[in-house]
PDB file of N, CA and C in Angstrom:
ATOM      1  N   MET A   1     -29.334   5.818 -37.387  1.00  0.00           N
ATOM      2  CA  MET A   1     -27.813   4.959 -37.520  1.00  0.00           C
ATOM      3  C   MET A   1     -26.944   5.574 -36.484  1.00  0.00           C
ATOM      4  N   ALA A   2     -26.340   4.701 -35.899  1.00  0.00           N
ATOM      5  CA  ALA A   2     -25.265   4.978 -34.607  1.00  0.00           C
ATOM      6  C   ALA A   2     -24.193   5.970 -34.905  1.00  0.00           C
ATOM      7  N   ALA A   3     -23.670   6.648 -34.337  1.00  0.00           N
ATOM      8  CA  ALA A   3     -22.570   7.110 -33.996  1.00  0.00           C
ATOM      9  C   ALA A   3     -21.360   6.716 -33.237  1.00  0.00           C
ATOM     10  N   ILE A   4     -20.174   6.343 -34.157  1.00  0.00           N
ATOM     11  CA  ILE A   4     -19.136   5.659 -33.226  1.00  0.00           C
ATOM     12  C   ILE A   4     -18.049   6.734 -33.349  1.00  0.00           C
ATOM     13  N   GLY A   5     -17.527   7.439 -32.566  1.00  0.00           N
ATOM     14  CA  GLY A   5     -16.320   8.261 -32.370  1.00  0.00           C
ATOM     15  C   GLY A   5     -15.316   7.825 -31.305  1.00  0.00           C
ATOM     16  N   VAL A   6     -14.031   8.123 -31.819  1.00  0.00           N
ATOM     17  CA  VAL A   6     -12.814   7.474 -31.317  1.00  0.00           C
ATOM     18  C   VAL A   6     -11.951   8.769 -31.251  1.00  0.00           C
ATOM     19  N   VAL A   7     -11.488   9.066 -30.175  1.00  0.00           N
ATOM     20  CA  VAL A   7     -10.395  10.034 -29.935  1.00  0.00           C
ATOM     21  C   VAL A   7      -9.212   9.460 -29.366  1.00  0.00           C
ATOM     22  N   THR A   8      -8.080   9.845 -30.286  1.00  0.00           N
ATOM     23  CA  THR A   8      -6.885   9.153 -29.892  1.00  0.00           C
ATOM     24  C   THR A   8      -5.869  10.272 -29.185  1.00  0.00           C
ATOM     25  N   LEU A   9      -5.432   9.955 -27.901  1.00  0.00           N
ATOM     26  CA  LEU A   9      -4.815  10.888 -27.121  1.00  0.00           C
ATOM     27  C   LEU A   9      -3.343  10.219 -27.109  1.00  0.00           C
ATOM     28  N   GLU A  10      -2.540  11.369 -27.472  1.00  0.00           N
ATOM     29  CA  GLU A  10      -0.691  11.280 -27.206  1.00  0.00           C
ATOM     30  C   GLU A  10      -0.325  11.638 -26.304  1.00  0.00           C
ATOM     31  N   LEU A  11       0.435  11.007 -25.583  1.00  0.00           N
ATOM     32  CA  LEU A  11       0.824  11.486 -24.407  1.00  0.00           C
ATOM     33  C   LEU A  11       2.283  11.462 -24.313  1.00  0.00           C
ATOM     34  N   ARG A  12       3.233  12.352 -24.298  1.00  0.00           N
ATOM     35  CA  ARG A  12       4.807  12.331 -23.341  1.00  0.00           C
ATOM     36  C   ARG A  12       4.559  12.384 -22.030  1.00  0.00           C
ATOM     37  N   ILE A  13       5.064  11.389 -21.368  1.00  0.00           N
ATOM     38  CA  ILE A  13       5.303  11.703 -19.916  1.00  0.00           C
ATOM     39  C   ILE A  13       6.649  11.769 -19.672  1.00  0.00           C
ATOM     40  N   GLU A  14       7.258  12.811 -19.399  1.00  0.00           N
ATOM     41  CA  GLU A  14       8.867  13.037 -19.593  1.00  0.00           C
ATOM     42  C   GLU A  14       9.283  12.367 -18.305  1.00  0.00           C
ATOM     43  N   HIS A  15       8.553  12.833 -17.334  1.00  0.00           N
ATOM     44  CA  HIS A  15       9.041  12.698 -15.581  1.00  0.00           C
ATOM     45  C   HIS A  15       8.892  11.031 -15.756  1.00  0.00           C
ATOM     46  N   ALA A  16       8.575  10.284 -16.293  1.00  0.00           N
ATOM     47  CA  ALA A  16       8.760   8.978 -16.057  1.00  0.00           C
ATOM     48  C   ALA A  16       9.762   8.267 -16.578  1.00  0.00           C
ATOM     49  N   HIS A  17      10.506   7.435 -15.387  1.00  0.00           N
ATOM     50  CA  HIS A  17      11.484   6.994 -15.491  1.00  0.00           C
ATOM     51  C   HIS A  17      11.421   5.473 -15.540  1.00  0.00           C
ATOM     52  N   SER A  18      10.440   4.972 -15.451  1.00  0.00           N
ATOM     53  CA  SER A  18      10.156   3.626 -15.580  1.00  0.00           C
ATOM     54  C   SER A  18       8.521   3.189 -16.204  1.00  0.00           C
ATOM     55  N   LEU A  19       8.471   1.794 -16.453  1.00  0.00           N
ATOM     56  CA  LEU A  19       6.940   1.783 -16.890  1.00  0.00           C
ATOM     57  C   LEU A  19       6.102   1.739 -15.519  1.00  0.00           C
ATOM     58  N   LYS A  20       6.712   1.456 -14.461  1.00  0.00           N
ATOM     59  CA  LYS A  20       5.488   1.895 -13.113  1.00  0.00           C
ATOM     60  C   LYS A  20       5.030   2.959 -13.202  1.00  0.00           C
ATOM     61  N   GLU A  21       6.041   4.069 -13.362  1.00  0.00           N
ATOM     62  CA  GLU A  21       5.639   5.635 -13.453  1.00  0.00           C
ATOM     63  C   GLU A  21       4.887   5.925 -14.084  1.00  0.00           C
ATOM     64  N   LYS A  22       5.129   5.116 -15.514  1.00  0.00           N
ATOM     65  CA  LYS A  22       4.041   5.451 -16.632  1.00  0.00           C
ATOM     66  C   LYS A  22       2.487   5.154 -16.381  1.00  0.00           C
ATOM     67  N   ARG A  23       2.725   3.968 -15.947  1.00  0.00           N
ATOM     68  CA  ARG A  23       1.085   2.858 -15.390  1.00  0.00           C
ATOM     69  C   ARG A  23       0.437   3.679 -14.472  1.00  0.00           C
ATOM     70  N   HIS A  24       0.995   4.451 -13.644  1.00  0.00           N
ATOM     71  CA  HIS A  24       0.515   5.552 -12.648  1.00  0.00           C
ATOM     72  C   HIS A  24      -0.020   6.438 -13.429  1.00  0.00           C
ATOM     73  N   VAL A  25      -0.007   7.139 -14.076  1.00  0.00           N
ATOM     74  CA  VAL A  25      -0.137   8.310 -15.258  1.00  0.00           C
ATOM     75  C   VAL A  25      -1.386   7.554 -15.995  1.00  0.00           C
ATOM     76  N   VAL A  26      -0.828   6.504 -16.741  1.00  0.00           N
ATOM     77  CA  VAL A  26      -2.138   6.067 -17.671  1.00  0.00           C
ATOM     78  C   VAL A  26      -3.309   5.415 -16.975  1.00  0.00           C
ATOM     79  N   LYS A  27      -3.140   5.011 -15.742  1.00  0.00           N
ATOM     80  CA  LYS A  27      -4.091   3.949 -14.907  1.00  0.00           C
ATOM     81  C   LYS A  27      -4.936   4.731 -14.494  1.00  0.00           C
ATOM     82  N   SER A  28      -4.619   6.292 -13.957  1.00  0.00           N
ATOM     83  CA  SER A  28      -5.232   7.375 -13.192  1.00  0.00           C
ATOM     84  C   SER A  28      -5.826   7.975 -14.274  1.00  0.00           C
ATOM     85  N   LEU A  29      -5.537   8.245 -15.736  1.00  0.00           N
ATOM     86  CA  LEU A  29      -6.265   8.957 -16.458  1.00  0.00           C
ATOM     87  C   LEU A  29      -7.253   7.954 -17.524  1.00  0.00           C
ATOM     88  N   LYS A  30      -7.029   6.853 -17.391  1.00  0.00           N
ATOM     89  CA  LYS A  30      -8.449   5.877 -18.060  1.00  0.00           C
ATOM     90  C   LYS A  30      -9.414   5.700 -17.332  1.00  0.00           C
ATOM     91  N   GLU A  31      -8.976   5.261 -15.733  1.00  0.00           N
ATOM     92  CA  GLU A  31     -10.238   5.383 -14.641  1.00  0.00           C
ATOM     93  C   GLU A  31     -11.074   6.773 -14.767  1.00  0.00           C
ATOM     94  N   ARG A  32     -10.260   7.843 -14.626  1.00  0.00           N
ATOM     95  CA  ARG A  32     -11.024   8.771 -14.630  1.00  0.00           C
ATOM     96  C   ARG A  32     -12.232   9.337 -15.864  1.00  0.00           C
ATOM     97  N   LEU A  33     -11.613   8.846 -16.880  1.00  0.00           N
ATOM     98  CA  LEU A  33     -12.387   9.014 -17.992  1.00  0.00           C
ATOM     99  C   LEU A  33     -13.511   8.290 -18.135  1.00  0.00           C
ATOM    100  N   ARG A  34     -13.162   6.941 -17.620  1.00  0.00           N
ATOM    101  CA  ARG A  34     -14.536   5.921 -17.695  1.00  0.00           C
ATOM    102  C   ARG A  34     -15.323   6.272 -17.090  1.00  0.00           C
ATOM    103  N   GLY A  35     -14.533   6.479 -15.786  1.00  0.00           N
ATOM    104  CA  GLY A  35     -15.828   7.100 -14.516  1.00  0.00           C
ATOM    105  C   GLY A  35     -16.619   8.108 -14.737  1.00  0.00           C
ATOM    106  N   LYS A  36     -16.223   8.838 -15.290  1.00  0.00           N
ATOM    107  CA  LYS A  36     -16.968  10.519 -15.703  1.00  0.00           C
ATOM    108  C   LYS A  36     -18.010  10.521 -16.949  1.00  0.00           C
ATOM    109  N   PHE A  37     -17.280   9.794 -17.811  1.00  0.00           N
ATOM    110  CA  PHE A  37     -17.753   9.581 -18.878  1.00  0.00           C
ATOM    111  C   PHE A  37     -18.726   8.799 -19.536  1.00  0.00           C
ATOM    112  N   ASN A  38     -18.482   7.641 -19.022  1.00  0.00           N
ATOM    113  CA  ASN A  38     -19.055   6.253 -19.463  1.00  0.00           C
ATOM    114  C   ASN A  38     -18.711   5.700 -20.935  1.00  0.00           C
ATOM    115  N   VAL A  39     -17.473   5.884 -20.995  1.00  0.00           N
ATOM    116  CA  VAL A  39     -16.399   5.820 -22.553  1.00  0.00           C
ATOM    117  C   VAL A  39     -15.373   4.556 -22.065  1.00  0.00           C
ATOM    118  N   SER A  40     -15.372   3.816 -23.293  1.00  0.00           N
ATOM    119  CA  SER A  40     -14.224   2.699 -23.470  1.00  0.00           C
ATOM    120  C   SER A  40     -12.762   3.540 -23.536  1.00  0.00           C
ATOM    121  N   VAL A  41     -12.232   3.251 -22.826  1.00  0.00           N
ATOM    122  CA  VAL A  41     -10.538   3.245 -23.020  1.00  0.00           C
ATOM    123  C   VAL A  41      -9.776   2.486 -22.820  1.00  0.00           C
ATOM    124  N   ALA A  42      -8.577   2.219 -23.847  1.00  0.00           N
ATOM    125  CA  ALA A  42      -7.661   1.221 -23.936  1.00  0.00           C
ATOM    126  C   ALA A  42      -6.417   2.060 -24.513  1.00  0.00           C
ATOM    127  N   GLU A  43      -5.186   1.636 -23.715  1.00  0.00           N
ATOM    128  CA  GLU A  43      -3.951   2.029 -24.310  1.00  0.00           C
ATOM    129  C   GLU A  43      -3.629   1.125 -25.709  1.00  0.00           C
ATOM    130  N   ILE A  44      -3.201   1.858 -26.752  1.00  0.00           N
ATOM    131  CA  ILE A  44      -3.114   1.281 -27.968  1.00  0.00           C
ATOM    132  C   ILE A  44      -2.083   1.394 -28.603  1.00  0.00           C
ATOM    133  N   ASP A  45      -0.792   1.905 -28.113  1.00  0.00           N
ATOM    134  CA  ASP A  45       0.073   1.826 -28.641  1.00  0.00           C
ATOM    135  C   ASP A  45       1.605   2.281 -27.468  1.00  0.00           C
ATOM    136  N   ASP A  46       2.485   2.332 -27.818  1.00  0.00           N
ATOM    137  CA  ASP A  46       3.764   2.630 -27.147  1.00  0.00           C
ATOM    138  C   ASP A  46       3.733   2.008 -25.662  1.00  0.00           C
ATOM    139  N   MET A  47       3.201   0.750 -25.573  1.00  0.00           N
ATOM    140  CA  MET A  47       2.948   0.286 -24.468  1.00  0.00           C
ATOM    141  C   MET A  47       4.391  -0.381 -23.701  1.00  0.00           C
ATOM    142  N   ASP A  48       5.701  -0.358 -24.558  1.00  0.00           N
ATOM    143  CA  ASP A  48       6.457  -0.904 -23.879  1.00  0.00           C
ATOM    144  C   ASP A  48       7.583   0.403 -23.750  1.00  0.00           C
ATOM    145  N   LEU A  49       7.411   1.451 -23.868  1.00  0.00           N
ATOM    146  CA  LEU A  49       7.867   2.935 -23.924  1.00  0.00           C
ATOM    147  C   LEU A  49       7.208   3.283 -22.820  1.00  0.00           C
ATOM    148  N   HIS A  50       8.532   3.766 -21.548  1.00  0.00           N
ATOM    149  CA  HIS A  50       8.419   4.654 -20.263  1.00  0.00           C
ATOM    150  C   HIS A  50       7.775   6.049 -20.102  1.00  0.00           C
ATOM    151  N   ASN A  51       8.162   6.654 -21.516  1.00  0.00           N
ATOM    152  CA  ASN A  51       7.946   7.957 -21.526  1.00  0.00           C
ATOM    153  C   ASN A  51       6.964   8.158 -22.557  1.00  0.00           C
ATOM    154  N   SER A  52       6.043   7.323 -23.086  1.00  0.00           N
ATOM    155  CA  SER A  52       5.102   7.769 -24.128  1.00  0.00           C
ATOM    156  C   SER A  52       3.721   6.837 -23.804  1.00  0.00           C
ATOM    157  N   ALA A  53       2.742   7.322 -24.393  1.00  0.00           N
ATOM    158  CA  ALA A  53       1.372   6.373 -24.218  1.00  0.00           C
ATOM    159  C   ALA A  53       0.364   7.085 -25.473  1.00  0.00           C
ATOM    160  N   VAL A  54      -0.080   5.899 -26.019  1.00  0.00           N
ATOM    161  CA  VAL A  54      -1.103   6.605 -26.839  1.00  0.00           C
ATOM    162  C   VAL A  54      -2.684   5.699 -26.296  1.00  0.00           C
ATOM    163  N   LEU A  55      -3.607   6.516 -26.030  1.00  0.00           N
ATOM    164  CA  LEU A  55      -4.684   6.055 -25.800  1.00  0.00           C
ATOM    165  C   LEU A  55      -5.901   6.208 -26.703  1.00  0.00           C
ATOM    166  N   ALA A  56      -6.592   5.232 -27.127  1.00  0.00           N
ATOM    167  CA  ALA A  56      -7.971   5.542 -27.706  1.00  0.00           C
ATOM    168  C   ALA A  56      -9.317   5.635 -26.421  1.00  0.00           C
ATOM    169  N   VAL A  57     -10.093   6.620 -26.855  1.00  0.00           N
ATOM    170  CA  VAL A  57     -11.255   6.753 -26.055  1.00  0.00           C
ATOM    171  C   VAL A  57     -12.510   6.501 -27.027  1.00  0.00           C
ATOM    172  N   ALA A  58     -13.248   5.840 -26.859  1.00  0.00           N
ATOM    173  CA  ALA A  58     -14.238   5.640 -27.735  1.00  0.00           C
ATOM    174  C   ALA A  58     -16.046   5.518 -27.245  1.00  0.00           C
ATOM    175  N   THR A  59     -16.731   6.032 -27.734  1.00  0.00           N
ATOM    176  CA  THR A  59     -18.377   6.316 -27.246  1.00  0.00           C
ATOM    177  C   THR A  59     -19.075   6.015 -28.328  1.00  0.00           C
ATOM    178  N   VAL A  60     -20.302   5.296 -28.318  1.00  0.00           N
ATOM    179  CA  VAL A  60     -21.435   5.020 -29.382  1.00  0.00           C
ATOM    180  C   VAL A  60     -22.511   5.431 -28.676  1.00  0.00           C
ATOM    181  N   SER A  61     -23.373   6.202 -29.671  1.00  0.00           N
ATOM    182  CA  SER A  61     -24.588   6.868 -29.483  1.00  0.00           C
ATOM    183  C   SER A  61     -25.579   6.917 -30.800  1.00  0.00           C
ATOM    184  N   SER A  62     -26.889   6.982 -30.344  1.00  0.00           N
ATOM    185  CA  SER A  62     -27.454   7.255 -31.473  1.00  0.00           C
ATOM    186  C   SER A  62     -27.392   8.537 -32.245  1.00  0.00           C
ATOM    187  N   SER A  63     -26.880   9.816 -31.425  1.00  0.00           N
ATOM    188  CA  SER A  63     -26.577  10.927 -31.850  1.00  0.00           C
ATOM    189  C   SER A  63     -25.066  11.222 -32.255  1.00  0.00           C
ATOM    190  N   ARG A  64     -24.854  11.344 -33.368  1.00  0.00           N
ATOM    191  CA  ARG A  64     -23.271  12.055 -33.499  1.00  0.00           C
ATOM    192  C   ARG A  64     -23.077  13.475 -32.508  1.00  0.00           C
ATOM    193  N   GLN A  65     -24.044  14.482 -32.571  1.00  0.00           N
ATOM    194  CA  GLN A  65     -23.979  15.512 -31.646  1.00  0.00           C
ATOM    195  C   GLN A  65     -23.644  15.033 -30.421  1.00  0.00           C
ATOM    196  N   PHE A  66     -24.538  14.250 -29.938  1.00  0.00           N
ATOM    197  CA  PHE A  66     -24.354  13.880 -28.668  1.00  0.00           C
ATOM    198  C   PHE A  66     -22.777  13.055 -28.271  1.00  0.00           C
ATOM    199  N   ALA A  67     -22.365  12.487 -29.453  1.00  0.00           N
ATOM    200  CA  ALA A  67     -21.161  11.543 -29.033  1.00  0.00           C
ATOM    201  C   ALA A  67     -19.735  12.793 -29.374  1.00  0.00           C
ATOM    202  N   GLU A  68     -20.129  13.839 -29.961  1.00  0.00           N
ATOM    203  CA  GLU A  68     -19.215  14.739 -30.060  1.00  0.00           C
ATOM    204  C   GLU A  68     -18.981  15.514 -28.928  1.00  0.00           C
ATOM    205  N   LYS A  69     -20.317  16.141 -28.106  1.00  0.00           N
ATOM    206  CA  LYS A  69     -19.952  16.488 -26.821  1.00  0.00           C
ATOM    207  C   LYS A  69     -19.256  15.690 -25.931  1.00  0.00           C
ATOM    208  N   VAL A  70     -19.306  14.394 -26.025  1.00  0.00           N
ATOM    209  CA  VAL A  70     -18.985  13.691 -24.886  1.00  0.00           C
ATOM    210  C   VAL A  70     -17.329  13.549 -25.235  1.00  0.00           C
ATOM    211  N   LEU A  71     -17.138  13.608 -26.360  1.00  0.00           N
ATOM    212  CA  LEU A  71     -15.353  13.277 -26.962  1.00  0.00           C
ATOM    213  C   LEU A  71     -14.803  14.729 -26.522  1.00  0.00           C
ATOM    214  N   GLN A  72     -15.485  15.984 -26.983  1.00  0.00           N
ATOM    215  CA  GLN A  72     -14.793  17.391 -26.616  1.00  0.00           C
ATOM    216  C   GLN A  72     -14.605  17.007 -25.210  1.00  0.00           C
ATOM    217  N   ALA A  73     -15.683  16.559 -24.211  1.00  0.00           N
ATOM    218  CA  ALA A  73     -15.589  16.650 -22.881  1.00  0.00           C
ATOM    219  C   ALA A  73     -14.296  15.841 -22.569  1.00  0.00           C
ATOM    220  N   VAL A  74     -14.196  14.692 -23.170  1.00  0.00           N
ATOM    221  CA  VAL A  74     -13.365  13.747 -22.630  1.00  0.00           C
ATOM    222  C   VAL A  74     -11.922  14.501 -23.229  1.00  0.00           C
ATOM    223  N   GLU A  75     -11.814  14.919 -24.355  1.00  0.00           N
ATOM    224  CA  GLU A  75     -10.577  15.940 -24.720  1.00  0.00           C
ATOM    225  C   GLU A  75      -9.843  16.838 -23.569  1.00  0.00           C
ATOM    226  N   ARG A  76     -10.828  17.620 -23.264  1.00  0.00           N
ATOM    227  CA  ARG A  76     -10.767  18.901 -22.383  1.00  0.00           C
ATOM    228  C   ARG A  76     -10.329  18.212 -20.794  1.00  0.00           C
ATOM    229  N   GLU A  77     -11.226  17.138 -20.459  1.00  0.00           N
ATOM    230  CA  GLU A  77     -10.738  16.280 -19.142  1.00  0.00           C
ATOM    231  C   GLU A  77      -9.319  15.901 -19.124  1.00  0.00           C
ATOM    232  N   ALA A  78      -8.927  15.161 -20.176  1.00  0.00           N
ATOM    233  CA  ALA A  78      -7.555  14.992 -20.354  1.00  0.00           C
ATOM    234  C   ALA A  78      -6.643  16.198 -20.268  1.00  0.00           C
ATOM    235  N   ALA A  79      -6.925  17.048 -21.020  1.00  0.00           N
ATOM    236  CA  ALA A  79      -6.140  18.261 -21.128  1.00  0.00           C
ATOM    237  C   ALA A  79      -5.707  18.838 -19.655  1.00  0.00           C
ATOM    238  N   GLU A  80      -7.052  19.001 -18.829  1.00  0.00           N
ATOM    239  CA  GLU A  80      -6.884  19.411 -17.423  1.00  0.00           C
ATOM    240  C   GLU A  80      -6.053  18.473 -16.713  1.00  0.00           C
ATOM    241  N   LEU A  81      -5.975  17.249 -16.793  1.00  0.00           N
ATOM    242  CA  LEU A  81      -5.845  16.356 -15.891  1.00  0.00           C
ATOM    243  C   LEU A  81      -4.244  15.937 -16.101  1.00  0.00           C
ATOM    244  N   VAL A  82      -3.855  16.338 -17.263  1.00  0.00           N
ATOM    245  CA  VAL A  82      -2.140  15.705 -17.817  1.00  0.00           C
ATOM    246  C   VAL A  82      -1.560  17.115 -18.635  1.00  0.00           C
ATOM    247  N   GLY A  83      -2.037  18.116 -18.512  1.00  0.00           N
ATOM    248  CA  GLY A  83      -1.533  19.412 -19.065  1.00  0.00           C
ATOM    249  C   GLY A  83      -0.672  19.105 -20.259  1.00  0.00           C
ATOM    250  N   PRO A  84       0.384  19.695 -20.382  1.00  0.00           N
ATOM    251  CA  PRO A  84       1.359  19.574 -21.354  1.00  0.00           C
ATOM    252  C   PRO A  84       1.729  18.191 -21.546  1.00  0.00           C
ATOM    253  N   MET A  85       1.345  17.368 -21.188  1.00  0.00           N
ATOM    254  CA  MET A  85       1.885  15.863 -21.486  1.00  0.00           C
ATOM    255  C   MET A  85       1.152  15.620 -22.299  1.00  0.00           C
ATOM    256  N   LEU A  86      -0.235  16.063 -22.708  1.00  0.00           N
ATOM    257  CA  LEU A  86      -1.077  15.774 -24.175  1.00  0.00           C
ATOM    258  C   LEU A  86      -0.479  16.740 -25.173  1.00  0.00           C
ATOM    259  N   VAL A  87       0.352  15.728 -26.158  1.00  0.00           N
ATOM    260  CA  VAL A  87       0.756  16.413 -27.398  1.00  0.00           C
ATOM    261  C   VAL A  87       0.112  16.322 -28.267  1.00  0.00           C
ATOM    262  N   ARG A  88      -0.915  15.429 -28.767  1.00  0.00           N
ATOM    263  CA  ARG A  88      -1.740  15.332 -29.940  1.00  0.00           C
ATOM    264  C   ARG A  88      -3.090  14.490 -29.734  1.00  0.00           C
ATOM    265  N   VAL A  89      -4.280  15.025 -30.212  1.00  0.00           N
ATOM    266  CA  VAL A  89      -5.520  14.304 -30.216  1.00  0.00           C
ATOM    267  C   VAL A  89      -6.201  14.092 -31.775  1.00  0.00           C
ATOM    268  N   GLU A  90      -6.656  13.373 -31.953  1.00  0.00           N
ATOM    269  CA  GLU A  90      -7.280  13.148 -33.368  1.00  0.00           C
ATOM    270  C   GLU A  90      -8.676  12.166 -33.034  1.00  0.00           C
ATOM    271  N   THR A  91      -9.430  12.753 -33.746  1.00  0.00           N
ATOM    272  CA  THR A  91     -10.830  12.456 -33.455  1.00  0.00           C
ATOM    273  C   THR A  91     -11.199  11.741 -34.988  1.00  0.00           C
ATOM    274  N   GLU A  92     -11.775  10.451 -34.806  1.00  0.00           N
ATOM    275  CA  GLU A  92     -12.281   9.333 -35.945  1.00  0.00           C
ATOM    276  C   GLU A  92     -14.077   9.289 -35.821  1.00  0.00           C
ATOM    277  N   TRP A  93     -14.734   8.937 -36.824  1.00  0.00           N
ATOM    278  CA  TRP A  93     -15.706   8.838 -36.894  1.00  0.00           C
ATOM    279  C   TRP A  93     -16.260   7.441 -37.894  1.00  0.00           C
ATOM    280  N   TRP A  94     -17.448   6.801 -37.315  1.00  0.00           N
ATOM    281  CA  TRP A  94     -17.806   5.739 -38.034  1.00  0.00           C
ATOM    282  C   TRP A  94     -19.501   6.029 -38.073  1.00  0.00           C
TER     283      TRP A  94
END
């Protein structure tokens, strides 16, 4: 049975004073996570707010153990890249 995991990353981008500044942070994070971990990444909420973003990162694997390792690495990488801007992380499984 396939394991499908989704980690939701909530960001507070206090220094962003426009959607353009926010998009720079979000685009950089999305590209880095996609390229490094071969995961799907999408902005799923707060798209019209300039200082907040919610991203979903998904992976599918034949092994839940492997999927858990991938999503844990994604969480660590996001924390390293955006630091205190990462205010909440939630993981769901199907």
